[in-house]
């Protein structure tokens, strides 16, 4: 609570021209909330499927780190660079994660089939979330402020994750979808506004010539 109070008083209420705008900060804050929920939820779901052991945790965290590396690599090469497309893929993967029951994977007897299928279902949202963060973050003018907002969001995400005791882990996908949907709306609206402004300025310069 103290961290959230400091966040609201010292970052959110600063002038928009200093830290990149309130909408941008709220978007990265929401992405931090959603990503932490996705990460902890994936670890728990894999533990339920393959057992709570150091080997399982090592595999899951290694897979998450490899997904982060792959997302940064693809974003740096501009192979996946469309923010609206990444938001759409992320929402679809979260919906699939919500709709597919975890008991379905327990009915798969072969470990070599169950593990890739579970990774595709539970870790694909993490991959798209990493790609989305990298694509949205790389061209920001004030990355330090937005990164701070994102870290504060992960703190709140760790608290919200405890809601699973009341609503279940599958229902956490709805919270994640809501956070990313709101973040996507804020980021894409900012991009469209910037494009409209550039278009108006270009027409004004042509009219003066």
Protein backbone atom coordinates (compact mmCIF):
# COMPACT_ATOMS: atom_id res chain seq x y z
CA UNK A 1 0.00 0.00 0.00
CA UNK A 2 2.86 2.38 0.78
CA UNK A 3 4.46 1.64 -2.59
CA UNK A 4 1.18 2.34 -4.38
CA UNK A 5 0.77 5.60 -2.46
CA UNK A 6 4.27 6.72 -3.48
CA UNK A 7 3.55 5.67 -7.06
CA UNK A 8 0.38 7.74 -7.24
CA UNK A 9 1.81 10.79 -5.52
CA UNK A 10 5.27 10.97 -7.12
CA UNK A 11 4.78 9.54 -10.61
CA UNK A 12 1.17 9.67 -11.74
CA UNK A 13 0.58 13.27 -10.76
CA UNK A 14 3.72 14.73 -12.31
CA UNK A 15 3.27 16.83 -15.44
CA UNK A 16 2.46 14.71 -18.47
CA UNK A 17 5.22 16.28 -20.57
CA UNK A 18 7.87 15.05 -18.11
CA UNK A 19 6.98 11.39 -17.83
CA UNK A 20 5.22 10.59 -21.08
CA UNK A 21 1.57 11.15 -20.24
CA UNK A 22 -0.86 9.67 -17.76
CA UNK A 23 -2.33 7.22 -20.28
CA UNK A 24 1.08 5.76 -21.05
CA UNK A 25 1.91 5.31 -17.38
CA UNK A 26 -1.40 3.64 -16.61
CA UNK A 27 -0.94 1.32 -19.62
CA UNK A 28 2.48 0.13 -18.46
CA UNK A 29 1.19 -0.17 -14.90
CA UNK A 30 -1.63 -2.46 -16.09
CA UNK A 31 0.79 -4.52 -18.17
CA UNK A 32 2.89 -5.06 -15.05
CA UNK A 33 -0.17 -6.25 -13.11
CA UNK A 34 -1.20 -8.65 -15.84
CA UNK A 35 2.27 -10.07 -16.52
CA UNK A 36 2.95 -10.97 -12.89
CA UNK A 37 -0.42 -12.74 -12.70
CA UNK A 38 0.39 -14.66 -15.88
CA UNK A 39 3.81 -15.70 -14.61
CA UNK A 40 2.73 -16.93 -11.17
CA UNK A 41 -0.35 -18.62 -12.63
CA UNK A 42 1.80 -20.53 -15.12
CA UNK A 43 4.13 -21.79 -12.38
CA UNK A 44 1.21 -23.04 -10.28
CA UNK A 45 -0.54 -24.68 -13.23
CA UNK A 46 2.62 -26.52 -14.26
CA UNK A 47 3.09 -27.66 -10.67
CA UNK A 48 -0.41 -29.12 -10.68
CA UNK A 49 0.32 -30.95 -13.93
CA UNK A 50 3.84 -32.21 -13.31
CA UNK A 51 4.28 -32.02 -9.54
CA UNK A 52 5.88 -29.54 -7.18
CA UNK A 53 9.61 -30.20 -7.52
CA UNK A 54 12.77 -28.24 -8.11
CA UNK A 55 13.05 -29.77 -11.60
CA UNK A 56 9.58 -28.58 -12.59
CA UNK A 57 10.24 -25.07 -11.29
CA UNK A 58 13.60 -24.97 -13.05
CA UNK A 59 12.00 -25.99 -16.35
CA UNK A 60 9.20 -23.43 -16.05
CA UNK A 61 11.43 -20.49 -15.14
CA UNK A 62 13.94 -21.47 -17.83
CA UNK A 63 11.13 -21.55 -20.38
CA UNK A 64 9.92 -18.10 -19.25
CA UNK A 65 13.43 -16.63 -19.55
CA UNK A 66 13.84 -18.17 -23.00
CA UNK A 67 10.52 -16.64 -24.04
CA UNK A 68 11.72 -13.24 -22.84
CA UNK A 69 14.93 -13.66 -24.86
CA UNK A 70 13.02 -14.80 -27.97
CA UNK A 71 10.57 -11.89 -27.69
CA UNK A 72 13.39 -9.34 -27.41
CA UNK A 73 15.20 -10.94 -30.35
CA UNK A 74 12.13 -10.87 -32.60
CA UNK A 75 11.25 -7.33 -31.59
CA UNK A 76 14.80 -6.09 -32.21
CA UNK A 77 14.67 -7.62 -35.70
CA UNK A 78 11.22 -6.02 -36.21
CA UNK A 79 9.72 -9.37 -37.21
CA UNK A 80 6.85 -8.81 -34.77
CA UNK A 81 6.33 -5.08 -34.43
CA UNK A 82 2.59 -4.37 -34.67
CA UNK A 83 1.16 -3.41 -31.28
CA UNK A 84 -2.52 -3.98 -32.27
CA UNK A 85 -1.65 -7.42 -33.70
CA UNK A 86 0.25 -8.39 -30.55
CA UNK A 87 -2.64 -7.27 -28.37
CA UNK A 88 -5.05 -9.36 -30.46
CA UNK A 89 -2.85 -12.46 -30.27
CA UNK A 90 -2.40 -11.98 -26.52
CA UNK A 91 -6.14 -11.65 -25.87
CA UNK A 92 -6.87 -14.73 -28.01
CA UNK A 93 -4.23 -16.81 -26.20
CA UNK A 94 -5.60 -15.73 -22.81
CA UNK A 95 -9.11 -16.67 -23.90
CA UNK A 96 -7.83 -20.07 -25.00
CA UNK A 97 -6.11 -20.48 -21.65
CA UNK A 98 -9.40 -19.70 -19.92
CA UNK A 99 -11.57 -21.94 -22.08
CA UNK A 100 -9.34 -25.05 -22.03
CA UNK A 101 -9.73 -26.92 -18.70
CA UNK A 102 -6.54 -28.07 -17.01
CA UNK A 103 -8.01 -31.52 -16.49
CA UNK A 104 -7.78 -32.03 -20.25
CA UNK A 105 -3.99 -32.29 -20.01
CA UNK A 106 -4.18 -34.78 -17.15
CA UNK A 107 -5.97 -37.17 -19.51
CA UNK A 108 -2.88 -37.23 -21.75
CA UNK A 109 -0.82 -40.18 -20.58
CA UNK A 110 2.31 -39.47 -22.62
CA UNK A 111 4.58 -36.91 -20.95
CA UNK A 112 6.16 -36.05 -24.31
CA UNK A 113 2.77 -34.92 -25.60
CA UNK A 114 1.42 -33.41 -22.39
CA UNK A 115 4.43 -31.12 -21.81
CA UNK A 116 4.46 -29.40 -25.27
CA UNK A 117 0.66 -29.08 -25.22
CA UNK A 118 0.74 -27.47 -21.77
CA UNK A 119 3.55 -25.14 -22.81
CA UNK A 120 1.61 -24.05 -25.89
CA UNK A 121 -1.51 -23.33 -23.84
CA UNK A 122 -0.05 -21.81 -20.66
CA UNK A 123 3.11 -20.11 -21.92
CA UNK A 124 1.95 -18.62 -25.23
CA UNK A 125 0.34 -15.62 -23.42
CA UNK A 126 3.69 -14.94 -21.75
CA UNK A 127 5.45 -14.90 -25.12
CA UNK A 128 2.99 -12.43 -26.65
CA UNK A 129 3.08 -10.33 -23.47
CA UNK A 130 6.89 -10.09 -23.71
CA UNK A 131 6.71 -9.15 -27.40
CA UNK A 132 4.09 -6.53 -26.59
CA UNK A 133 6.12 -4.98 -23.80
CA UNK A 134 9.27 -4.83 -25.94
CA UNK A 135 7.44 -3.30 -28.92
CA UNK A 136 5.66 -0.72 -26.77
CA UNK A 137 8.69 0.15 -24.65
CA UNK A 138 11.48 0.54 -27.18
CA UNK A 139 10.37 3.89 -28.67
CA UNK A 140 9.30 5.62 -25.47
CA UNK A 141 10.85 9.00 -24.68
CA UNK A 142 10.86 8.48 -20.90
CA UNK A 143 11.57 4.76 -20.40
CA UNK A 144 12.73 5.13 -16.79
CA UNK A 145 9.36 6.50 -15.61
CA UNK A 146 7.35 3.91 -17.54
CA UNK A 147 9.56 1.08 -16.32
CA UNK A 148 8.95 2.25 -12.76
CA UNK A 149 5.20 2.19 -13.41
CA UNK A 150 5.54 -1.34 -14.74
CA UNK A 151 7.44 -2.51 -11.64
CA UNK A 152 4.82 -1.03 -9.34
CA UNK A 153 2.21 -2.85 -11.41
CA UNK A 154 3.97 -6.17 -10.83
CA UNK A 155 3.77 -5.48 -7.08
CA UNK A 156 0.02 -5.09 -7.31
CA UNK A 157 -0.17 -8.14 -9.58
CA UNK A 158 1.41 -10.26 -6.86
CA UNK A 159 -1.33 -9.11 -4.49
CA UNK A 160 -4.14 -9.66 -6.99
CA UNK A 161 -2.88 -13.20 -7.63
CA UNK A 162 -4.19 -14.17 -4.19
CA UNK A 163 -7.70 -13.66 -5.57
CA UNK A 164 -7.27 -17.13 -7.09
CA UNK A 165 -8.17 -18.59 -3.68
CA UNK A 166 -11.65 -17.15 -4.16
CA UNK A 167 -12.23 -17.30 -7.92
CA UNK A 168 -9.78 -20.00 -9.11
CA UNK A 169 -6.74 -19.82 -11.36
CA UNK A 170 -8.69 -20.04 -14.60
CA UNK A 171 -10.69 -16.94 -13.69
CA UNK A 172 -7.46 -14.98 -13.31
CA UNK A 173 -7.32 -14.99 -17.11
CA UNK A 174 -10.31 -12.64 -17.12
CA UNK A 175 -8.41 -10.15 -14.94
CA UNK A 176 -5.42 -10.43 -17.27
CA UNK A 177 -7.62 -9.87 -20.33
CA UNK A 178 -9.21 -6.82 -18.71
CA UNK A 179 -5.81 -5.30 -17.85
CA UNK A 180 -4.35 -5.87 -21.30
CA UNK A 181 -7.50 -4.68 -23.04
CA UNK A 182 -7.38 -1.40 -21.10
CA UNK A 183 -3.63 -1.06 -21.72
CA UNK A 184 -4.10 -1.74 -25.43
CA UNK A 185 -6.82 0.88 -25.66
CA UNK A 186 -4.59 3.50 -24.02
CA UNK A 187 -1.52 2.72 -26.15
CA UNK A 188 -3.30 2.43 -29.51
CA UNK A 189 -5.29 5.59 -28.84
CA UNK A 190 -2.03 7.43 -28.16
CA UNK A 191 -0.53 6.10 -31.41
CA UNK A 192 -3.57 7.09 -33.48
CA UNK A 193 -3.58 10.57 -31.92
CA UNK A 194 0.10 11.01 -32.75
CA UNK A 195 -0.47 9.92 -36.36
CA UNK A 196 -3.39 12.36 -36.71
CA UNK A 197 -1.23 15.18 -35.35
CA UNK A 198 1.59 14.41 -37.80
CA UNK A 199 -0.92 14.31 -40.65
CA UNK A 200 -2.37 17.69 -39.70
CA UNK A 201 1.10 19.24 -39.42
CA UNK A 202 2.13 17.83 -42.80
CA UNK A 203 -0.99 19.25 -44.47
CA UNK A 204 -0.36 22.63 -42.81
CA UNK A 205 3.22 22.72 -44.13
CA UNK A 206 2.04 21.83 -47.64
CA UNK A 207 -0.59 24.56 -47.51
CA UNK A 208 2.04 27.14 -46.54
CA UNK A 209 4.26 26.12 -49.45
